[in-house]
N, C-alpha and C. Protein backbone atom coordinates (compact mmCIF):
# COMPACT_ATOMS: atom_id res chain seq x y z
N MET A 1 0.84 -1.19 0.00
CA MET A 1 0.00 0.00 0.00
C MET A 1 0.88 1.25 0.00
N ASN A 2 0.73 2.08 -1.00
CA ASN A 2 1.53 3.31 -1.12
C ASN A 2 0.95 4.40 -0.24
N GLN A 3 1.84 5.02 0.53
CA GLN A 3 1.42 6.15 1.34
C GLN A 3 1.89 7.42 0.67
N THR A 4 1.06 8.43 0.72
CA THR A 4 1.51 9.73 0.22
C THR A 4 2.35 10.39 1.30
N PRO A 5 3.40 11.14 0.90
CA PRO A 5 4.25 11.77 1.89
C PRO A 5 3.46 12.72 2.79
N LYS A 6 3.72 12.66 4.08
CA LYS A 6 3.07 13.55 5.03
C LYS A 6 3.77 14.90 5.01
N LYS A 7 3.05 15.92 5.48
CA LYS A 7 3.61 17.26 5.56
C LYS A 7 4.75 17.27 6.59
N PHE A 8 5.85 17.92 6.23
CA PHE A 8 7.00 18.01 7.13
C PHE A 8 6.67 18.95 8.28
N GLN A 9 6.95 18.50 9.51
CA GLN A 9 6.70 19.31 10.70
C GLN A 9 7.99 19.37 11.50
N SER A 10 8.57 20.56 11.62
CA SER A 10 9.88 20.69 12.26
C SER A 10 9.87 20.33 13.74
N LYS A 11 8.72 20.35 14.39
CA LYS A 11 8.65 20.02 15.82
C LYS A 11 8.41 18.52 16.04
N HIS A 12 8.05 17.79 15.00
CA HIS A 12 7.81 16.36 15.11
C HIS A 12 9.13 15.65 15.45
N PRO A 13 9.15 14.72 16.44
CA PRO A 13 10.42 14.09 16.87
C PRO A 13 11.22 13.46 15.73
N THR A 14 10.56 12.72 14.84
CA THR A 14 11.27 12.09 13.73
C THR A 14 11.81 13.13 12.77
N HIS A 15 11.02 14.13 12.47
CA HIS A 15 11.43 15.17 11.52
C HIS A 15 12.51 16.06 12.13
N LYS A 16 12.45 16.28 13.45
CA LYS A 16 13.46 17.08 14.13
C LYS A 16 14.82 16.39 14.04
N GLU A 17 14.85 15.06 14.22
CA GLU A 17 16.10 14.29 14.07
C GLU A 17 16.67 14.45 12.67
N THR A 18 15.79 14.44 11.68
CA THR A 18 16.22 14.58 10.29
C THR A 18 16.85 15.95 10.06
N ILE A 19 16.24 16.99 10.60
CA ILE A 19 16.79 18.34 10.45
C ILE A 19 18.17 18.43 11.10
N LEU A 20 18.30 17.87 12.30
CA LEU A 20 19.59 17.91 13.00
C LEU A 20 20.68 17.18 12.22
N LYS A 21 20.33 16.02 11.67
CA LYS A 21 21.30 15.26 10.87
C LYS A 21 21.71 16.08 9.64
N PHE A 22 20.74 16.68 8.98
CA PHE A 22 21.01 17.48 7.80
C PHE A 22 21.93 18.65 8.13
N MET A 23 21.63 19.37 9.22
CA MET A 23 22.44 20.52 9.60
C MET A 23 23.87 20.09 9.95
N ALA A 24 24.01 18.96 10.62
CA ALA A 24 25.35 18.46 10.98
C ALA A 24 26.15 18.13 9.72
N LEU A 25 25.51 17.45 8.75
CA LEU A 25 26.20 17.10 7.51
C LEU A 25 26.62 18.33 6.71
N VAL A 26 25.73 19.31 6.62
CA VAL A 26 26.06 20.54 5.90
C VAL A 26 27.20 21.27 6.61
N GLY A 27 27.15 21.32 7.94
CA GLY A 27 28.22 21.95 8.71
C GLY A 27 29.57 21.30 8.47
N ILE A 28 29.59 19.97 8.45
CA ILE A 28 30.83 19.24 8.18
C ILE A 28 31.34 19.54 6.78
N LEU A 29 30.45 19.53 5.79
CA LEU A 29 30.85 19.79 4.41
C LEU A 29 31.41 21.21 4.25
N VAL A 30 30.74 22.19 4.83
CA VAL A 30 31.21 23.58 4.72
C VAL A 30 32.56 23.76 5.42
N THR A 31 32.71 23.16 6.61
CA THR A 31 33.97 23.25 7.34
C THR A 31 35.10 22.58 6.56
N TYR A 32 34.82 21.43 6.00
CA TYR A 32 35.83 20.70 5.22
C TYR A 32 36.24 21.51 3.98
N PHE A 33 35.25 22.07 3.28
CA PHE A 33 35.54 22.90 2.11
C PHE A 33 36.40 24.10 2.51
N ALA A 34 36.04 24.76 3.61
CA ALA A 34 36.80 25.93 4.07
C ALA A 34 38.23 25.54 4.41
N TYR A 35 38.40 24.42 5.10
CA TYR A 35 39.74 23.97 5.47
C TYR A 35 40.57 23.64 4.23
N MET A 36 39.99 22.89 3.31
CA MET A 36 40.72 22.51 2.10
C MET A 36 41.04 23.73 1.24
N SER A 37 40.13 24.68 1.16
CA SER A 37 40.39 25.90 0.39
C SER A 37 41.52 26.70 1.03
N TRP A 38 41.53 26.78 2.34
CA TRP A 38 42.60 27.50 3.05
C TRP A 38 43.93 26.78 2.87
N HIS A 39 43.89 25.45 2.91
CA HIS A 39 45.11 24.65 2.84
C HIS A 39 45.65 24.52 1.41
N LEU A 40 44.76 24.37 0.42
CA LEU A 40 45.18 24.07 -0.95
C LEU A 40 44.89 25.19 -1.95
N GLY A 41 44.14 26.19 -1.54
CA GLY A 41 43.68 27.22 -2.47
C GLY A 41 42.24 26.91 -2.86
N ALA A 42 41.54 27.92 -3.33
CA ALA A 42 40.10 27.79 -3.59
C ALA A 42 39.77 26.73 -4.63
N ALA A 43 40.45 26.73 -5.77
CA ALA A 43 40.12 25.79 -6.85
C ALA A 43 40.41 24.35 -6.45
N ALA A 44 41.62 24.10 -5.95
CA ALA A 44 41.98 22.74 -5.53
C ALA A 44 41.13 22.31 -4.34
N GLY A 45 40.88 23.23 -3.41
CA GLY A 45 40.05 22.91 -2.25
C GLY A 45 38.64 22.52 -2.66
N ALA A 46 38.07 23.25 -3.61
CA ALA A 46 36.73 22.93 -4.10
C ALA A 46 36.72 21.56 -4.79
N SER A 47 37.78 21.27 -5.56
CA SER A 47 37.86 19.97 -6.24
C SER A 47 37.96 18.83 -5.23
N VAL A 48 38.81 18.99 -4.23
CA VAL A 48 38.97 17.94 -3.21
C VAL A 48 37.67 17.78 -2.42
N ALA A 49 37.01 18.88 -2.07
CA ALA A 49 35.74 18.80 -1.34
C ALA A 49 34.68 18.09 -2.18
N LEU A 50 34.61 18.40 -3.47
CA LEU A 50 33.64 17.76 -4.36
C LEU A 50 33.92 16.27 -4.51
N LEU A 51 35.19 15.92 -4.70
CA LEU A 51 35.55 14.50 -4.82
C LEU A 51 35.35 13.77 -3.50
N SER A 52 35.61 14.44 -2.38
CA SER A 52 35.37 13.82 -1.07
C SER A 52 33.88 13.56 -0.88
N TRP A 53 33.06 14.54 -1.29
CA TRP A 53 31.60 14.33 -1.24
C TRP A 53 31.22 13.11 -2.07
N SER A 54 31.81 12.98 -3.27
CA SER A 54 31.47 11.83 -4.12
C SER A 54 31.95 10.53 -3.48
N PHE A 55 33.05 10.57 -2.72
CA PHE A 55 33.51 9.39 -1.98
C PHE A 55 32.43 8.95 -1.00
N PHE A 56 31.87 9.89 -0.26
CA PHE A 56 30.85 9.53 0.73
C PHE A 56 29.55 9.08 0.07
N VAL A 57 29.27 9.57 -1.12
CA VAL A 57 28.10 9.11 -1.86
C VAL A 57 28.32 7.69 -2.36
N LEU A 58 29.48 7.43 -2.95
CA LEU A 58 29.72 6.16 -3.63
C LEU A 58 30.30 5.06 -2.74
N CYS A 59 31.04 5.42 -1.71
CA CYS A 59 31.87 4.44 -1.00
C CYS A 59 31.54 4.25 0.47
N THR A 60 30.41 4.73 0.93
CA THR A 60 29.98 4.46 2.30
C THR A 60 28.57 3.91 2.26
N PRO A 61 28.25 2.96 3.15
CA PRO A 61 26.95 2.28 3.08
C PRO A 61 25.81 3.00 3.79
N VAL A 62 25.95 4.31 3.99
CA VAL A 62 24.86 5.10 4.55
C VAL A 62 24.66 6.32 3.65
N ALA A 63 23.47 6.88 3.72
CA ALA A 63 23.14 7.99 2.82
C ALA A 63 23.58 9.31 3.45
N ASP A 64 24.87 9.48 3.61
CA ASP A 64 25.35 10.72 4.22
C ASP A 64 25.59 11.79 3.16
N GLY A 65 26.40 11.52 2.17
CA GLY A 65 26.68 12.51 1.12
C GLY A 65 25.45 12.88 0.31
N GLY A 66 24.67 11.87 -0.07
CA GLY A 66 23.47 12.13 -0.87
C GLY A 66 22.36 12.80 -0.09
N PHE A 67 22.36 12.57 1.21
CA PHE A 67 21.33 13.15 2.07
C PHE A 67 21.34 14.67 2.03
N ILE A 68 22.52 15.26 1.82
CA ILE A 68 22.66 16.72 1.78
C ILE A 68 21.79 17.31 0.66
N LEU A 69 21.64 16.59 -0.43
CA LEU A 69 20.77 17.06 -1.52
C LEU A 69 19.37 16.45 -1.45
N ALA A 70 19.30 15.17 -1.05
CA ALA A 70 18.02 14.47 -1.06
C ALA A 70 17.01 15.07 -0.08
N PHE A 71 17.49 15.46 1.10
CA PHE A 71 16.58 15.98 2.11
C PHE A 71 15.89 17.28 1.69
N PRO A 72 16.65 18.31 1.23
CA PRO A 72 15.93 19.52 0.82
C PRO A 72 15.02 19.30 -0.38
N LEU A 73 15.42 18.42 -1.29
CA LEU A 73 14.56 18.14 -2.45
C LEU A 73 13.27 17.45 -2.00
N ARG A 74 13.38 16.60 -0.99
CA ARG A 74 12.19 15.94 -0.44
C ARG A 74 11.24 16.99 0.16
N LEU A 75 11.82 17.94 0.90
CA LEU A 75 10.99 18.98 1.54
C LEU A 75 10.36 19.91 0.51
N LEU A 76 11.15 20.34 -0.47
CA LEU A 76 10.67 21.33 -1.44
C LEU A 76 9.72 20.75 -2.48
N PHE A 77 10.07 19.57 -3.01
CA PHE A 77 9.32 19.05 -4.16
C PHE A 77 8.61 17.73 -3.89
N LYS A 78 8.71 17.22 -2.64
CA LYS A 78 8.06 15.96 -2.24
C LYS A 78 8.55 14.76 -3.07
N VAL A 79 9.79 14.85 -3.57
CA VAL A 79 10.39 13.74 -4.32
C VAL A 79 10.98 12.76 -3.31
N LYS A 80 10.64 11.49 -3.44
CA LYS A 80 11.18 10.48 -2.54
C LYS A 80 12.71 10.53 -2.58
N MET A 81 13.33 10.38 -1.42
CA MET A 81 14.79 10.42 -1.35
C MET A 81 15.43 9.26 -2.10
N THR A 82 14.72 8.14 -2.24
CA THR A 82 15.27 7.01 -3.01
C THR A 82 15.45 7.40 -4.47
N VAL A 83 14.52 8.16 -5.02
CA VAL A 83 14.64 8.62 -6.41
C VAL A 83 15.81 9.60 -6.54
N THR A 84 15.87 10.55 -5.61
CA THR A 84 16.95 11.53 -5.63
C THR A 84 18.31 10.86 -5.50
N GLN A 85 18.40 9.82 -4.66
CA GLN A 85 19.67 9.14 -4.43
C GLN A 85 20.20 8.50 -5.72
N VAL A 86 19.32 7.95 -6.54
CA VAL A 86 19.75 7.37 -7.82
C VAL A 86 20.39 8.45 -8.68
N ILE A 87 19.74 9.61 -8.76
CA ILE A 87 20.27 10.73 -9.54
C ILE A 87 21.61 11.18 -8.97
N ILE A 88 21.69 11.27 -7.64
CA ILE A 88 22.94 11.69 -6.98
C ILE A 88 24.07 10.73 -7.29
N TRP A 89 23.79 9.44 -7.33
CA TRP A 89 24.83 8.47 -7.69
C TRP A 89 25.35 8.75 -9.10
N PHE A 90 24.44 9.00 -10.04
CA PHE A 90 24.88 9.29 -11.40
C PHE A 90 25.70 10.58 -11.46
N VAL A 91 25.31 11.58 -10.67
CA VAL A 91 26.07 12.83 -10.61
C VAL A 91 27.47 12.56 -10.06
N ALA A 92 27.57 11.78 -8.97
CA ALA A 92 28.87 11.46 -8.37
C ALA A 92 29.76 10.69 -9.36
N VAL A 93 29.17 9.77 -10.10
CA VAL A 93 29.93 9.02 -11.11
C VAL A 93 30.41 9.97 -12.21
N ALA A 94 29.54 10.87 -12.68
CA ALA A 94 29.91 11.83 -13.73
C ALA A 94 31.03 12.75 -13.26
N ILE A 95 30.97 13.20 -12.01
CA ILE A 95 32.03 14.05 -11.46
C ILE A 95 33.36 13.32 -11.51
N ASN A 96 33.37 12.06 -11.10
CA ASN A 96 34.61 11.29 -11.09
C ASN A 96 35.13 10.99 -12.49
N ILE A 97 34.25 10.70 -13.42
CA ILE A 97 34.69 10.49 -14.80
C ILE A 97 35.35 11.76 -15.33
N THR A 98 34.73 12.90 -15.05
CA THR A 98 35.28 14.19 -15.50
C THR A 98 36.68 14.41 -14.93
N TYR A 99 36.84 14.20 -13.63
CA TYR A 99 38.15 14.41 -13.00
C TYR A 99 39.17 13.37 -13.46
N LEU A 100 38.75 12.13 -13.64
CA LEU A 100 39.68 11.09 -14.10
C LEU A 100 40.21 11.41 -15.49
N VAL A 101 39.38 12.00 -16.33
CA VAL A 101 39.80 12.34 -17.69
C VAL A 101 40.56 13.66 -17.72
N ALA A 102 40.03 14.68 -17.07
CA ALA A 102 40.58 16.04 -17.22
C ALA A 102 41.63 16.43 -16.19
N ASN A 103 41.56 15.89 -14.97
CA ASN A 103 42.44 16.37 -13.91
C ASN A 103 42.70 15.28 -12.86
N PRO A 104 43.27 14.14 -13.27
CA PRO A 104 43.44 13.01 -12.33
C PRO A 104 44.40 13.30 -11.17
N GLU A 105 45.30 14.26 -11.32
CA GLU A 105 46.27 14.54 -10.25
C GLU A 105 45.62 15.11 -9.00
N VAL A 106 44.40 15.64 -9.10
CA VAL A 106 43.72 16.19 -7.93
C VAL A 106 43.42 15.09 -6.90
N TYR A 107 43.33 13.85 -7.35
CA TYR A 107 43.08 12.73 -6.43
C TYR A 107 44.23 12.54 -5.44
N GLU A 108 45.41 13.04 -5.75
CA GLU A 108 46.57 12.87 -4.88
C GLU A 108 46.62 13.87 -3.74
N LEU A 109 45.68 14.80 -3.66
CA LEU A 109 45.75 15.90 -2.70
C LEU A 109 45.24 15.57 -1.30
N SER A 110 44.53 14.46 -1.12
CA SER A 110 44.06 14.07 0.22
C SER A 110 43.97 12.55 0.31
N VAL A 111 43.97 12.05 1.52
CA VAL A 111 43.90 10.60 1.73
C VAL A 111 42.58 10.05 1.22
N ILE A 112 41.48 10.78 1.48
CA ILE A 112 40.16 10.30 1.03
C ILE A 112 40.11 10.19 -0.49
N THR A 113 40.62 11.20 -1.19
CA THR A 113 40.57 11.15 -2.66
C THR A 113 41.55 10.12 -3.21
N GLN A 114 42.65 9.86 -2.51
CA GLN A 114 43.56 8.79 -2.92
C GLN A 114 42.85 7.44 -2.82
N LEU A 115 42.13 7.21 -1.71
CA LEU A 115 41.35 5.96 -1.57
C LEU A 115 40.31 5.85 -2.66
N LEU A 116 39.61 6.95 -2.92
CA LEU A 116 38.59 6.95 -3.97
C LEU A 116 39.21 6.59 -5.32
N HIS A 117 40.33 7.20 -5.64
CA HIS A 117 41.01 6.93 -6.90
C HIS A 117 41.39 5.45 -7.01
N HIS A 118 41.92 4.90 -5.93
CA HIS A 118 42.32 3.49 -5.94
C HIS A 118 41.10 2.58 -6.13
N ILE A 119 40.02 2.89 -5.46
CA ILE A 119 38.79 2.09 -5.61
C ILE A 119 38.30 2.15 -7.06
N LEU A 120 38.28 3.33 -7.63
CA LEU A 120 37.76 3.49 -8.99
C LEU A 120 38.66 2.83 -10.04
N MET A 121 39.97 2.84 -9.80
CA MET A 121 40.90 2.32 -10.80
C MET A 121 41.15 0.81 -10.68
N GLN A 122 40.66 0.18 -9.62
CA GLN A 122 40.84 -1.26 -9.41
C GLN A 122 39.46 -1.94 -9.34
N PRO A 123 38.83 -2.19 -10.49
CA PRO A 123 37.49 -2.78 -10.45
C PRO A 123 37.42 -4.07 -9.62
N TYR A 124 38.42 -4.92 -9.82
CA TYR A 124 38.44 -6.13 -9.00
C TYR A 124 39.59 -6.03 -8.03
N PRO A 125 39.37 -6.09 -6.78
CA PRO A 125 38.13 -6.44 -6.05
C PRO A 125 37.42 -5.23 -5.46
N PHE A 126 37.88 -4.00 -5.72
CA PHE A 126 37.42 -2.86 -4.95
C PHE A 126 36.07 -2.29 -5.37
N TRP A 127 35.57 -2.67 -6.54
CA TRP A 127 34.23 -2.21 -6.87
C TRP A 127 33.19 -2.89 -5.99
N SER A 128 33.60 -3.94 -5.29
CA SER A 128 32.69 -4.56 -4.32
C SER A 128 32.31 -3.53 -3.24
N ILE A 129 33.23 -2.61 -2.93
CA ILE A 129 32.92 -1.54 -1.97
C ILE A 129 31.78 -0.68 -2.52
N LEU A 130 31.82 -0.39 -3.81
CA LEU A 130 30.74 0.41 -4.43
C LEU A 130 29.40 -0.32 -4.35
N ILE A 131 29.43 -1.63 -4.60
CA ILE A 131 28.19 -2.42 -4.58
C ILE A 131 27.62 -2.50 -3.16
N ILE A 132 28.49 -2.81 -2.19
CA ILE A 132 28.05 -2.89 -0.79
C ILE A 132 27.52 -1.53 -0.34
N SER A 133 28.23 -0.48 -0.70
CA SER A 133 27.82 0.87 -0.31
C SER A 133 26.49 1.25 -0.94
N ALA A 134 26.27 0.87 -2.18
CA ALA A 134 25.00 1.17 -2.84
C ALA A 134 23.85 0.47 -2.13
N MET A 135 24.04 -0.79 -1.77
CA MET A 135 22.98 -1.52 -1.06
C MET A 135 22.68 -0.86 0.28
N GLY A 136 23.72 -0.54 1.04
CA GLY A 136 23.53 0.10 2.34
C GLY A 136 22.90 1.47 2.22
N THR A 137 23.34 2.24 1.23
CA THR A 137 22.80 3.58 1.03
C THR A 137 21.31 3.53 0.72
N PHE A 138 20.92 2.67 -0.22
CA PHE A 138 19.52 2.62 -0.59
C PHE A 138 18.66 2.05 0.52
N LEU A 139 19.22 1.15 1.31
CA LEU A 139 18.50 0.65 2.48
C LEU A 139 18.27 1.77 3.49
N SER A 140 19.32 2.54 3.78
CA SER A 140 19.17 3.61 4.77
C SER A 140 18.28 4.74 4.24
N ILE A 141 18.36 5.05 2.96
CA ILE A 141 17.53 6.12 2.41
C ILE A 141 16.06 5.68 2.33
N TYR A 142 15.86 4.38 2.08
CA TYR A 142 14.49 3.84 2.09
C TYR A 142 13.88 4.00 3.48
N PHE A 143 14.65 3.66 4.51
CA PHE A 143 14.15 3.82 5.88
C PHE A 143 13.96 5.30 6.22
N GLY A 144 14.83 6.16 5.68
CA GLY A 144 14.67 7.60 5.89
C GLY A 144 13.37 8.10 5.28
N ASP A 145 13.07 7.65 4.06
CA ASP A 145 11.79 8.02 3.43
C ASP A 145 10.62 7.52 4.27
N GLU A 146 10.75 6.30 4.76
CA GLU A 146 9.69 5.71 5.57
C GLU A 146 9.45 6.55 6.83
N MET A 147 10.52 6.98 7.47
CA MET A 147 10.39 7.79 8.70
C MET A 147 9.83 9.18 8.40
N MET A 148 10.16 9.74 7.22
CA MET A 148 9.60 11.04 6.83
C MET A 148 8.10 10.93 6.60
N ASP A 149 7.64 9.74 6.17
CA ASP A 149 6.22 9.52 5.93
C ASP A 149 5.43 9.32 7.22
N VAL A 150 6.12 8.99 8.29
CA VAL A 150 5.45 8.77 9.57
C VAL A 150 5.02 10.11 10.15
N ASN A 151 3.79 10.17 10.59
CA ASN A 151 3.25 11.44 11.06
C ASN A 151 3.08 11.51 12.57
N THR A 152 2.92 10.38 13.23
CA THR A 152 2.74 10.40 14.68
C THR A 152 3.80 9.53 15.34
N HIS A 153 4.05 9.82 16.62
CA HIS A 153 5.03 9.03 17.37
C HIS A 153 4.58 7.58 17.48
N LYS A 154 3.27 7.35 17.57
CA LYS A 154 2.73 5.99 17.63
C LYS A 154 3.07 5.23 16.36
N GLU A 155 2.89 5.90 15.19
CA GLU A 155 3.24 5.27 13.92
C GLU A 155 4.74 4.99 13.87
N ARG A 156 5.56 5.91 14.40
CA ARG A 156 7.00 5.75 14.41
C ARG A 156 7.40 4.51 15.20
N SER A 157 6.77 4.31 16.38
CA SER A 157 7.07 3.14 17.20
C SER A 157 6.71 1.87 16.45
N LYS A 158 5.58 1.88 15.76
CA LYS A 158 5.15 0.72 14.99
C LYS A 158 6.16 0.40 13.89
N HIS A 159 6.64 1.44 13.19
CA HIS A 159 7.62 1.25 12.13
C HIS A 159 8.93 0.72 12.69
N HIS A 160 9.33 1.24 13.85
CA HIS A 160 10.59 0.79 14.44
C HIS A 160 10.50 -0.67 14.89
N LYS A 161 9.34 -1.07 15.45
CA LYS A 161 9.20 -2.41 15.97
C LYS A 161 9.02 -3.42 14.84
N HIS A 162 8.22 -3.07 13.86
CA HIS A 162 7.88 -3.98 12.77
C HIS A 162 9.09 -4.17 11.84
N GLY A 163 9.59 -5.37 11.77
CA GLY A 163 10.70 -5.67 10.87
C GLY A 163 12.05 -5.17 11.33
N MET A 164 12.15 -4.72 12.58
CA MET A 164 13.40 -4.15 13.06
C MET A 164 14.52 -5.19 13.08
N LYS A 165 14.18 -6.43 13.41
CA LYS A 165 15.19 -7.48 13.49
C LYS A 165 15.86 -7.69 12.12
N TYR A 166 15.08 -7.71 11.06
CA TYR A 166 15.64 -7.91 9.72
C TYR A 166 16.46 -6.72 9.26
N ARG A 167 15.99 -5.54 9.57
CA ARG A 167 16.74 -4.33 9.22
C ARG A 167 18.08 -4.30 9.94
N LEU A 168 18.05 -4.66 11.22
CA LEU A 168 19.27 -4.68 12.01
C LEU A 168 20.27 -5.68 11.45
N ILE A 169 19.80 -6.86 11.08
CA ILE A 169 20.69 -7.88 10.49
C ILE A 169 21.29 -7.37 9.19
N LEU A 170 20.46 -6.74 8.34
CA LEU A 170 20.95 -6.20 7.07
C LEU A 170 22.01 -5.11 7.29
N VAL A 171 21.72 -4.18 8.19
CA VAL A 171 22.64 -3.07 8.44
C VAL A 171 23.95 -3.58 9.03
N ILE A 172 23.88 -4.49 9.99
CA ILE A 172 25.10 -5.04 10.60
C ILE A 172 25.90 -5.82 9.56
N GLY A 173 25.21 -6.61 8.76
CA GLY A 173 25.89 -7.38 7.71
C GLY A 173 26.61 -6.50 6.71
N LEU A 174 25.94 -5.45 6.25
CA LEU A 174 26.57 -4.53 5.30
C LEU A 174 27.71 -3.76 5.95
N GLY A 175 27.54 -3.41 7.22
CA GLY A 175 28.63 -2.74 7.94
C GLY A 175 29.86 -3.61 8.05
N ILE A 176 29.68 -4.88 8.37
CA ILE A 176 30.81 -5.81 8.48
C ILE A 176 31.49 -5.99 7.12
N LEU A 177 30.69 -6.16 6.07
CA LEU A 177 31.26 -6.29 4.73
C LEU A 177 32.07 -5.06 4.34
N THR A 178 31.56 -3.89 4.69
CA THR A 178 32.27 -2.65 4.37
C THR A 178 33.59 -2.57 5.13
N LEU A 179 33.56 -2.89 6.42
CA LEU A 179 34.79 -2.86 7.23
C LEU A 179 35.84 -3.83 6.69
N VAL A 180 35.41 -5.02 6.33
CA VAL A 180 36.35 -6.01 5.77
C VAL A 180 36.92 -5.51 4.45
N SER A 181 36.07 -4.94 3.61
CA SER A 181 36.53 -4.42 2.32
C SER A 181 37.54 -3.29 2.50
N TYR A 182 37.25 -2.36 3.42
CA TYR A 182 38.18 -1.26 3.66
C TYR A 182 39.47 -1.74 4.32
N TYR A 183 39.38 -2.72 5.19
CA TYR A 183 40.59 -3.27 5.81
C TYR A 183 41.50 -3.86 4.72
N PHE A 184 40.89 -4.60 3.79
CA PHE A 184 41.64 -5.18 2.68
C PHE A 184 42.24 -4.09 1.81
N LEU A 185 41.46 -3.05 1.51
CA LEU A 185 41.95 -1.94 0.69
C LEU A 185 43.13 -1.24 1.36
N LEU A 186 42.99 -0.92 2.63
CA LEU A 186 44.06 -0.22 3.34
C LEU A 186 45.32 -1.07 3.44
N SER A 187 45.15 -2.38 3.63
CA SER A 187 46.34 -3.25 3.69
C SER A 187 47.00 -3.34 2.32
N GLN A 188 46.21 -3.32 1.25
CA GLN A 188 46.78 -3.34 -0.11
C GLN A 188 47.57 -2.07 -0.39
N LEU A 189 47.09 -0.96 0.15
CA LEU A 189 47.76 0.32 -0.07
C LEU A 189 48.84 0.59 0.96
N ASP A 190 48.99 -0.34 1.92
CA ASP A 190 49.97 -0.22 2.99
C ASP A 190 49.76 1.07 3.79
N ILE A 191 48.48 1.36 4.08
CA ILE A 191 48.14 2.53 4.89
C ILE A 191 47.88 2.05 6.32
N GLN A 192 48.55 2.66 7.27
CA GLN A 192 48.37 2.34 8.68
C GLN A 192 47.49 3.41 9.32
N LEU A 193 46.40 2.99 9.93
CA LEU A 193 45.55 3.94 10.65
C LEU A 193 46.14 4.19 12.03
N PRO A 194 46.08 5.44 12.53
CA PRO A 194 46.60 5.71 13.86
C PRO A 194 45.80 4.96 14.92
N THR A 195 46.48 4.45 15.95
CA THR A 195 45.78 3.70 16.99
C THR A 195 45.77 4.46 18.29
């Protein structure tokens, strides 16, 4: 049964959480862009920030990078975030194709973009990270859409209880797969994380 999206209410507990998450993500992105621009110059900083955003869209199993665009589009135009996320993935892929062709040296300017470059240039086995991340992203964005459609706290509790065990298993499984994939990637690149 298809539900029509409910009106967004900033005081609603579920919607308030969404606003806070959105503001935190935007704050992180703006701070990162400012730091990279100060450190590398405006053009290189903007490129690194854009590629870093595409890393979070393509290579993490949660809808963090795409959420920055999907959430306001959901509020303004009532477009499901799952639809927006598909478009965002294509935009992130197009950005990377453009940089790989026109300016590949920009990938060397930060650790995140170096990881992204390595993932993109090694289809086997590292595109598995893209596949796992896509599954996790669409799962999390689907649940985000579901929570945006919830209008009362009672409905929210029902959504959380119903099917929670399966969602938890899926999220934990994708998280473990992502950690294993990144551990393998970092060991291949001989990168040591600080302990």
